[in-house]
Amino acid sequence: MNSTKDEFLCFSGNLSWLNSGTALEEVKEMLKRNVQIKILTRIDVASISNIKKLLEVESRMGKRLIDVRHCEQPLRGFVSDGKTARLKEIKDPAIYKAGELKKEVTLKYEIRDEEWVQWLQKVFYNLFRVSVDCEKRMKDMKQIENLEP
């Protein structure tokens, strides 16, 4: 994140990466550099607190550079400036036959091949353009919450 100059695309599940290490500080630094941040994530009860943290940072910085959209998708990772992609895959032993995988394994991929990175950008933007805007999704969730007894 700290080397991103223009655009940071994020494939996320529930933005849990914001709670690790210095992620929020790195987001602040990107905002200081006027980096556009676009995020695909689930917007549900499990992710609301993470989204609020992110939007509070943006608000405190006084910039509108973060665009979050609701999208359930399997990828976890980032595309930075259309040059580098970093993806993460977690292998859970519970989904394998007994003995095939003894413990959880995390695989991390760094992709610098121009064609692959461009392909991942296209995947991101195809999902992004049809995904629900964060504010609308959060408003809809609030309405549903108020309807329940």
N, C-alpha and C. Protein backbone atom coordinates (compact mmCIF):
# COMPACT_ATOMS: atom_id res chain seq x y z
N MET A 1 0.81 -1.19 0.00
CA MET A 1 0.00 0.00 0.00
C MET A 1 0.86 1.26 0.00
N ASN A 2 1.96 1.20 0.69
CA ASN A 2 2.75 2.42 0.86
C ASN A 2 3.43 2.88 -0.42
N SER A 3 3.47 2.04 -1.46
CA SER A 3 4.09 2.47 -2.71
C SER A 3 3.06 2.89 -3.75
N THR A 4 1.77 2.78 -3.43
CA THR A 4 0.71 3.15 -4.38
C THR A 4 0.70 4.65 -4.58
N LYS A 5 0.63 5.07 -5.86
CA LYS A 5 0.66 6.49 -6.18
C LYS A 5 -0.69 7.05 -6.65
N ASP A 6 -1.46 6.23 -7.40
CA ASP A 6 -2.68 6.76 -8.02
C ASP A 6 -3.95 6.00 -7.65
N GLU A 7 -3.90 4.67 -7.76
CA GLU A 7 -5.13 3.88 -7.60
C GLU A 7 -4.87 2.58 -6.87
N PHE A 8 -5.75 2.32 -5.89
CA PHE A 8 -5.66 1.11 -5.07
C PHE A 8 -7.00 0.41 -5.15
N LEU A 9 -7.01 -0.77 -5.75
CA LEU A 9 -8.23 -1.57 -5.88
C LEU A 9 -8.16 -2.72 -4.89
N CYS A 10 -9.23 -2.93 -4.15
CA CYS A 10 -9.22 -3.94 -3.08
C CYS A 10 -10.36 -4.93 -3.24
N PHE A 11 -10.02 -6.21 -3.33
CA PHE A 11 -10.98 -7.31 -3.25
C PHE A 11 -10.97 -7.76 -1.80
N SER A 12 -12.09 -7.63 -1.09
CA SER A 12 -12.11 -7.99 0.32
C SER A 12 -13.34 -8.83 0.64
N GLY A 13 -13.28 -9.47 1.80
CA GLY A 13 -14.44 -10.21 2.29
C GLY A 13 -15.25 -9.31 3.21
N ASN A 14 -14.64 -8.89 4.31
CA ASN A 14 -15.34 -8.02 5.27
C ASN A 14 -14.43 -6.91 5.82
N LEU A 15 -13.38 -6.60 5.12
CA LEU A 15 -12.42 -5.56 5.49
C LEU A 15 -11.69 -5.86 6.79
N SER A 16 -11.59 -7.12 7.16
CA SER A 16 -10.90 -7.48 8.41
C SER A 16 -9.42 -7.08 8.37
N TRP A 17 -8.84 -6.93 7.19
CA TRP A 17 -7.44 -6.53 7.07
C TRP A 17 -7.19 -5.15 7.69
N LEU A 18 -8.26 -4.34 7.84
CA LEU A 18 -8.09 -3.03 8.48
C LEU A 18 -7.67 -3.14 9.93
N ASN A 19 -7.95 -4.29 10.55
CA ASN A 19 -7.65 -4.49 11.97
C ASN A 19 -6.26 -5.06 12.20
N SER A 20 -5.51 -5.25 11.14
CA SER A 20 -4.18 -5.85 11.30
C SER A 20 -3.09 -4.79 11.16
N GLY A 21 -2.21 -4.78 12.11
CA GLY A 21 -1.02 -3.92 12.04
C GLY A 21 -1.33 -2.45 11.82
N THR A 22 -0.73 -1.92 10.78
CA THR A 22 -0.81 -0.48 10.52
C THR A 22 -1.69 -0.15 9.31
N ALA A 23 -2.64 -1.00 9.01
CA ALA A 23 -3.45 -0.82 7.80
C ALA A 23 -4.16 0.53 7.74
N LEU A 24 -4.78 0.95 8.85
CA LEU A 24 -5.47 2.25 8.84
C LEU A 24 -4.49 3.40 8.65
N GLU A 25 -3.30 3.29 9.22
CA GLU A 25 -2.28 4.32 9.01
C GLU A 25 -1.87 4.37 7.54
N GLU A 26 -1.76 3.20 6.93
CA GLU A 26 -1.38 3.15 5.51
C GLU A 26 -2.48 3.75 4.65
N VAL A 27 -3.74 3.53 5.01
CA VAL A 27 -4.86 4.15 4.29
C VAL A 27 -4.75 5.67 4.41
N LYS A 28 -4.48 6.16 5.61
CA LYS A 28 -4.30 7.61 5.81
C LYS A 28 -3.20 8.16 4.90
N GLU A 29 -2.09 7.44 4.85
CA GLU A 29 -0.98 7.88 4.01
C GLU A 29 -1.38 7.91 2.53
N MET A 30 -2.15 6.93 2.09
CA MET A 30 -2.62 6.94 0.70
C MET A 30 -3.52 8.14 0.45
N LEU A 31 -4.40 8.44 1.40
CA LEU A 31 -5.29 9.60 1.25
C LEU A 31 -4.48 10.89 1.19
N LYS A 32 -3.42 10.99 1.98
CA LYS A 32 -2.54 12.17 1.93
C LYS A 32 -1.94 12.35 0.54
N ARG A 33 -1.68 11.21 -0.13
CA ARG A 33 -1.08 11.24 -1.48
C ARG A 33 -2.16 11.33 -2.56
N ASN A 34 -3.43 11.49 -2.16
CA ASN A 34 -4.57 11.58 -3.09
C ASN A 34 -4.76 10.32 -3.93
N VAL A 35 -4.50 9.18 -3.35
CA VAL A 35 -4.71 7.89 -4.03
C VAL A 35 -6.20 7.57 -4.01
N GLN A 36 -6.74 7.22 -5.18
CA GLN A 36 -8.12 6.76 -5.27
C GLN A 36 -8.18 5.33 -4.73
N ILE A 37 -9.08 5.08 -3.78
CA ILE A 37 -9.22 3.76 -3.18
C ILE A 37 -10.62 3.22 -3.51
N LYS A 38 -10.67 2.10 -4.18
CA LYS A 38 -11.94 1.46 -4.54
C LYS A 38 -11.95 0.07 -3.92
N ILE A 39 -13.07 -0.25 -3.25
CA ILE A 39 -13.13 -1.50 -2.48
C ILE A 39 -14.40 -2.26 -2.80
N LEU A 40 -14.24 -3.56 -3.06
CA LEU A 40 -15.36 -4.50 -3.17
C LEU A 40 -15.36 -5.34 -1.91
N THR A 41 -16.46 -5.33 -1.17
CA THR A 41 -16.55 -6.08 0.07
C THR A 41 -18.01 -6.41 0.37
N ARG A 42 -18.22 -7.38 1.23
CA ARG A 42 -19.58 -7.62 1.73
C ARG A 42 -19.92 -6.48 2.68
N ILE A 43 -21.09 -5.94 2.53
CA ILE A 43 -21.56 -4.94 3.48
C ILE A 43 -22.72 -5.59 4.22
N ASP A 44 -22.40 -6.10 5.42
CA ASP A 44 -23.38 -6.78 6.25
C ASP A 44 -23.06 -6.51 7.71
N VAL A 45 -23.79 -7.15 8.61
CA VAL A 45 -23.59 -6.87 10.03
C VAL A 45 -22.15 -7.16 10.49
N ALA A 46 -21.48 -8.09 9.85
CA ALA A 46 -20.12 -8.45 10.25
C ALA A 46 -19.09 -7.42 9.79
N SER A 47 -19.40 -6.67 8.76
CA SER A 47 -18.41 -5.74 8.21
C SER A 47 -18.69 -4.28 8.51
N ILE A 48 -19.86 -3.96 9.03
CA ILE A 48 -20.24 -2.56 9.26
C ILE A 48 -19.22 -1.80 10.10
N SER A 49 -18.73 -2.39 11.19
CA SER A 49 -17.78 -1.66 12.03
C SER A 49 -16.49 -1.36 11.28
N ASN A 50 -16.04 -2.27 10.45
CA ASN A 50 -14.82 -2.03 9.66
C ASN A 50 -15.05 -0.93 8.63
N ILE A 51 -16.21 -0.92 8.01
CA ILE A 51 -16.53 0.11 7.02
C ILE A 51 -16.58 1.47 7.70
N LYS A 52 -17.20 1.53 8.87
CA LYS A 52 -17.28 2.80 9.60
C LYS A 52 -15.89 3.32 9.96
N LYS A 53 -14.98 2.43 10.37
CA LYS A 53 -13.60 2.84 10.67
C LYS A 53 -12.96 3.49 9.44
N LEU A 54 -13.13 2.83 8.31
CA LEU A 54 -12.53 3.30 7.07
C LEU A 54 -13.11 4.67 6.68
N LEU A 55 -14.42 4.80 6.74
CA LEU A 55 -15.05 6.05 6.34
C LEU A 55 -14.77 7.18 7.33
N GLU A 56 -14.55 6.84 8.61
CA GLU A 56 -14.16 7.85 9.60
C GLU A 56 -12.78 8.42 9.27
N VAL A 57 -11.87 7.55 8.85
CA VAL A 57 -10.53 8.01 8.47
C VAL A 57 -10.65 8.97 7.29
N GLU A 58 -11.44 8.59 6.31
CA GLU A 58 -11.63 9.44 5.13
C GLU A 58 -12.24 10.79 5.55
N SER A 59 -13.24 10.75 6.41
CA SER A 59 -13.90 11.97 6.86
C SER A 59 -12.93 12.89 7.61
N ARG A 60 -12.13 12.31 8.51
CA ARG A 60 -11.16 13.10 9.27
C ARG A 60 -10.11 13.74 8.37
N MET A 61 -9.80 13.05 7.28
CA MET A 61 -8.80 13.58 6.34
C MET A 61 -9.41 14.67 5.45
N GLY A 62 -10.76 14.74 5.41
CA GLY A 62 -11.43 15.75 4.61
C GLY A 62 -11.34 15.51 3.12
N LYS A 63 -11.25 14.25 2.75
CA LYS A 63 -11.14 13.91 1.32
C LYS A 63 -12.18 12.86 0.96
N ARG A 64 -12.64 12.90 -0.29
CA ARG A 64 -13.59 11.89 -0.78
C ARG A 64 -12.88 11.06 -1.85
N LEU A 65 -12.02 10.17 -1.39
CA LEU A 65 -11.23 9.35 -2.31
C LEU A 65 -11.53 7.86 -2.18
N ILE A 66 -12.40 7.49 -1.24
CA ILE A 66 -12.70 6.07 -1.00
C ILE A 66 -14.09 5.76 -1.53
N ASP A 67 -14.19 4.73 -2.35
CA ASP A 67 -15.48 4.27 -2.88
C ASP A 67 -15.62 2.80 -2.53
N VAL A 68 -16.58 2.49 -1.65
CA VAL A 68 -16.82 1.13 -1.20
C VAL A 68 -18.11 0.64 -1.82
N ARG A 69 -18.10 -0.58 -2.34
CA ARG A 69 -19.30 -1.18 -2.93
C ARG A 69 -19.53 -2.57 -2.36
N HIS A 70 -20.81 -2.92 -2.23
CA HIS A 70 -21.19 -4.24 -1.72
C HIS A 70 -21.08 -5.26 -2.85
N CYS A 71 -20.28 -6.30 -2.59
CA CYS A 71 -20.11 -7.38 -3.56
C CYS A 71 -19.56 -8.60 -2.85
N GLU A 72 -20.26 -9.71 -3.00
CA GLU A 72 -19.74 -10.97 -2.47
C GLU A 72 -18.96 -11.64 -3.59
N GLN A 73 -17.69 -11.79 -3.39
CA GLN A 73 -16.81 -12.38 -4.39
C GLN A 73 -15.68 -13.10 -3.66
N PRO A 74 -15.06 -14.08 -4.29
CA PRO A 74 -14.10 -14.94 -3.59
C PRO A 74 -12.67 -14.42 -3.47
N LEU A 75 -12.33 -13.39 -4.21
CA LEU A 75 -10.94 -12.93 -4.20
C LEU A 75 -10.61 -12.10 -2.97
N ARG A 76 -9.37 -12.20 -2.52
CA ARG A 76 -8.88 -11.40 -1.41
C ARG A 76 -7.53 -10.84 -1.83
N GLY A 77 -7.45 -9.52 -1.94
CA GLY A 77 -6.18 -8.95 -2.34
C GLY A 77 -6.32 -7.55 -2.88
N PHE A 78 -5.24 -7.06 -3.49
CA PHE A 78 -5.14 -5.68 -3.94
C PHE A 78 -4.52 -5.61 -5.32
N VAL A 79 -4.88 -4.56 -6.04
CA VAL A 79 -4.20 -4.19 -7.28
C VAL A 79 -3.73 -2.76 -7.07
N SER A 80 -2.44 -2.53 -7.23
CA SER A 80 -1.84 -1.22 -6.98
C SER A 80 -1.35 -0.59 -8.28
N ASP A 81 -1.94 0.56 -8.61
CA ASP A 81 -1.53 1.35 -9.78
C ASP A 81 -1.51 0.57 -11.09
N GLY A 82 -2.24 -0.51 -11.17
CA GLY A 82 -2.27 -1.29 -12.40
C GLY A 82 -0.95 -1.96 -12.72
N LYS A 83 -0.06 -2.04 -11.72
CA LYS A 83 1.26 -2.62 -11.96
C LYS A 83 1.51 -3.89 -11.16
N THR A 84 0.92 -3.94 -9.97
CA THR A 84 1.16 -5.07 -9.07
C THR A 84 -0.16 -5.55 -8.48
N ALA A 85 -0.30 -6.86 -8.39
CA ALA A 85 -1.46 -7.44 -7.71
C ALA A 85 -0.93 -8.35 -6.61
N ARG A 86 -1.56 -8.28 -5.46
CA ARG A 86 -1.23 -9.19 -4.36
C ARG A 86 -2.52 -9.86 -3.95
N LEU A 87 -2.50 -11.19 -3.99
CA LEU A 87 -3.68 -11.97 -3.63
C LEU A 87 -3.34 -12.92 -2.51
N LYS A 88 -4.35 -13.29 -1.73
CA LYS A 88 -4.17 -14.20 -0.62
C LYS A 88 -5.20 -15.32 -0.74
N GLU A 89 -4.76 -16.52 -0.44
CA GLU A 89 -5.64 -17.69 -0.46
C GLU A 89 -5.40 -18.47 0.83
N ILE A 90 -6.48 -18.83 1.50
CA ILE A 90 -6.36 -19.61 2.74
C ILE A 90 -6.91 -21.01 2.49
N LYS A 91 -6.09 -22.01 2.76
CA LYS A 91 -6.49 -23.40 2.64
C LYS A 91 -6.90 -23.91 4.01
N ASP A 92 -8.16 -24.28 4.13
CA ASP A 92 -8.73 -24.75 5.39
C ASP A 92 -8.73 -26.28 5.42
N PRO A 93 -8.10 -26.88 6.43
CA PRO A 93 -8.05 -28.35 6.48
C PRO A 93 -9.43 -29.00 6.61
N ALA A 94 -10.43 -28.25 7.06
CA ALA A 94 -11.78 -28.80 7.23
C ALA A 94 -12.43 -29.18 5.90
N ILE A 95 -11.96 -28.58 4.80
CA ILE A 95 -12.59 -28.90 3.51
C ILE A 95 -11.83 -29.98 2.72
N TYR A 96 -10.78 -30.51 3.31
CA TYR A 96 -10.00 -31.57 2.69
C TYR A 96 -10.30 -32.90 3.37
N LYS A 97 -9.96 -33.99 2.69
CA LYS A 97 -10.10 -35.31 3.30
C LYS A 97 -9.15 -35.40 4.49
N ALA A 98 -9.52 -36.22 5.45
CA ALA A 98 -8.72 -36.39 6.66
C ALA A 98 -7.26 -36.69 6.31
N GLY A 99 -6.35 -35.93 6.89
CA GLY A 99 -4.92 -36.15 6.70
C GLY A 99 -4.30 -35.45 5.51
N GLU A 100 -5.11 -34.93 4.58
CA GLU A 100 -4.55 -34.28 3.40
C GLU A 100 -3.85 -32.95 3.74
N LEU A 101 -4.43 -32.23 4.68
CA LEU A 101 -3.87 -30.95 5.08
C LEU A 101 -3.94 -30.88 6.60
N LYS A 102 -2.79 -30.86 7.22
CA LYS A 102 -2.74 -30.95 8.68
C LYS A 102 -3.12 -29.67 9.41
N LYS A 103 -2.85 -28.50 8.78
CA LYS A 103 -3.18 -27.23 9.41
C LYS A 103 -3.52 -26.22 8.33
N GLU A 104 -4.13 -25.10 8.76
CA GLU A 104 -4.48 -24.05 7.83
C GLU A 104 -3.22 -23.50 7.17
N VAL A 105 -3.30 -23.27 5.87
CA VAL A 105 -2.17 -22.76 5.11
C VAL A 105 -2.61 -21.48 4.39
N THR A 106 -1.79 -20.45 4.50
CA THR A 106 -2.05 -19.20 3.79
C THR A 106 -1.04 -19.06 2.66
N LEU A 107 -1.56 -18.89 1.45
CA LEU A 107 -0.72 -18.69 0.28
C LEU A 107 -0.84 -17.23 -0.15
N LYS A 108 0.29 -16.60 -0.41
CA LYS A 108 0.28 -15.22 -0.87
C LYS A 108 0.94 -15.16 -2.24
N TYR A 109 0.28 -14.45 -3.14
CA TYR A 109 0.77 -14.32 -4.51
C TYR A 109 1.06 -12.85 -4.81
N GLU A 110 2.18 -12.59 -5.43
CA GLU A 110 2.47 -11.26 -5.93
C GLU A 110 2.63 -11.38 -7.43
N ILE A 111 1.79 -10.64 -8.15
CA ILE A 111 1.75 -10.74 -9.61
C ILE A 111 2.20 -9.41 -10.20
N ARG A 112 3.20 -9.48 -11.07
CA ARG A 112 3.70 -8.27 -11.72
C ARG A 112 3.58 -8.35 -13.24
N ASP A 113 3.12 -9.47 -13.72
CA ASP A 113 2.92 -9.64 -15.16
C ASP A 113 1.81 -8.69 -15.62
N GLU A 114 2.13 -7.84 -16.59
CA GLU A 114 1.23 -6.79 -17.03
C GLU A 114 -0.14 -7.33 -17.48
N GLU A 115 -0.13 -8.41 -18.25
CA GLU A 115 -1.40 -8.97 -18.74
C GLU A 115 -2.27 -9.50 -17.61
N TRP A 116 -1.67 -10.18 -16.66
CA TRP A 116 -2.43 -10.70 -15.52
C TRP A 116 -2.99 -9.57 -14.67
N VAL A 117 -2.19 -8.55 -14.42
CA VAL A 117 -2.64 -7.43 -13.61
C VAL A 117 -3.78 -6.70 -14.32
N GLN A 118 -3.66 -6.48 -15.62
CA GLN A 118 -4.74 -5.85 -16.39
C GLN A 118 -6.01 -6.69 -16.35
N TRP A 119 -5.85 -8.01 -16.43
CA TRP A 119 -7.01 -8.90 -16.36
C TRP A 119 -7.70 -8.77 -15.00
N LEU A 120 -6.92 -8.73 -13.92
CA LEU A 120 -7.50 -8.56 -12.58
C LEU A 120 -8.20 -7.20 -12.45
N GLN A 121 -7.64 -6.16 -13.05
CA GLN A 121 -8.30 -4.85 -13.04
C GLN A 121 -9.65 -4.93 -13.75
N LYS A 122 -9.69 -5.61 -14.87
CA LYS A 122 -10.95 -5.76 -15.62
C LYS A 122 -11.97 -6.53 -14.80
N VAL A 123 -11.54 -7.59 -14.12
CA VAL A 123 -12.43 -8.34 -13.25
C VAL A 123 -12.97 -7.41 -12.17
N PHE A 124 -12.07 -6.63 -11.55
CA PHE A 124 -12.49 -5.71 -10.50
C PHE A 124 -13.55 -4.75 -11.02
N TYR A 125 -13.27 -4.08 -12.12
CA TYR A 125 -14.19 -3.06 -12.62
C TYR A 125 -15.50 -3.66 -13.14
N ASN A 126 -15.48 -4.87 -13.67
CA ASN A 126 -16.73 -5.52 -14.07
C ASN A 126 -17.62 -5.77 -12.85
N LEU A 127 -17.02 -6.19 -11.75
CA LEU A 127 -17.79 -6.38 -10.51
C LEU A 127 -18.20 -5.03 -9.91
N PHE A 128 -17.29 -4.09 -9.92
CA PHE A 128 -17.50 -2.78 -9.29
C PHE A 128 -18.68 -2.04 -9.93
N ARG A 129 -18.75 -2.06 -11.24
CA ARG A 129 -19.79 -1.27 -11.93
C ARG A 129 -21.19 -1.78 -11.68
N VAL A 130 -21.35 -3.05 -11.30
CA VAL A 130 -22.69 -3.59 -11.05
C VAL A 130 -22.97 -3.80 -9.56
N SER A 131 -22.03 -3.39 -8.71
CA SER A 131 -22.18 -3.57 -7.26
C SER A 131 -22.93 -2.40 -6.64
N VAL A 132 -23.52 -2.65 -5.47
CA VAL A 132 -24.33 -1.65 -4.78
C VAL A 132 -23.43 -0.69 -3.99
N ASP A 133 -23.70 0.61 -4.13
CA ASP A 133 -22.96 1.64 -3.42
C ASP A 133 -23.09 1.45 -1.91
N CYS A 134 -22.03 1.74 -1.19
CA CYS A 134 -21.97 1.56 0.26
C CYS A 134 -23.09 2.30 0.99
N GLU A 135 -23.29 3.56 0.66
CA GLU A 135 -24.32 4.35 1.36
C GLU A 135 -25.70 3.75 1.16
N LYS A 136 -26.00 3.34 -0.06
CA LYS A 136 -27.32 2.74 -0.35
C LYS A 136 -27.47 1.43 0.40
N ARG A 137 -26.44 0.60 0.36
CA ARG A 137 -26.51 -0.70 1.05
C ARG A 137 -26.69 -0.50 2.56
N MET A 138 -25.95 0.43 3.15
CA MET A 138 -26.07 0.65 4.59
C MET A 138 -27.45 1.22 4.94
N LYS A 139 -27.98 2.09 4.09
CA LYS A 139 -29.33 2.63 4.30
C LYS A 139 -30.37 1.51 4.22
N ASP A 140 -30.24 0.64 3.23
CA ASP A 140 -31.16 -0.49 3.09
C ASP A 140 -31.09 -1.43 4.29
N MET A 141 -29.87 -1.67 4.78
CA MET A 141 -29.71 -2.55 5.95
C MET A 141 -30.37 -1.93 7.18
N LYS A 142 -30.25 -0.61 7.32
CA LYS A 142 -30.86 0.10 8.44
C LYS A 142 -32.38 -0.04 8.38
N GLN A 143 -32.96 0.07 7.20
CA GLN A 143 -34.40 -0.08 7.03
C GLN A 143 -34.86 -1.49 7.43
N ILE A 144 -34.11 -2.48 6.99
CA ILE A 144 -34.45 -3.87 7.33
C ILE A 144 -34.36 -4.06 8.83
N GLU A 145 -33.33 -3.52 9.43
CA GLU A 145 -33.14 -3.63 10.87
C GLU A 145 -34.32 -3.01 11.63
N ASN A 146 -34.84 -1.90 11.14
CA ASN A 146 -35.96 -1.21 11.79
C ASN A 146 -37.30 -1.94 11.59
N LEU A 147 -37.39 -2.77 10.55
CA LEU A 147 -38.62 -3.52 10.29
C LEU A 147 -38.78 -4.73 11.19
N GLU A 148 -37.65 -5.28 11.63
CA GLU A 148 -37.70 -6.49 12.46
C GLU A 148 -38.21 -6.16 13.86
N PRO A 149 -39.08 -7.06 14.43
CA PRO A 149 -39.62 -6.81 15.76
C PRO A 149 -38.59 -6.91 16.87
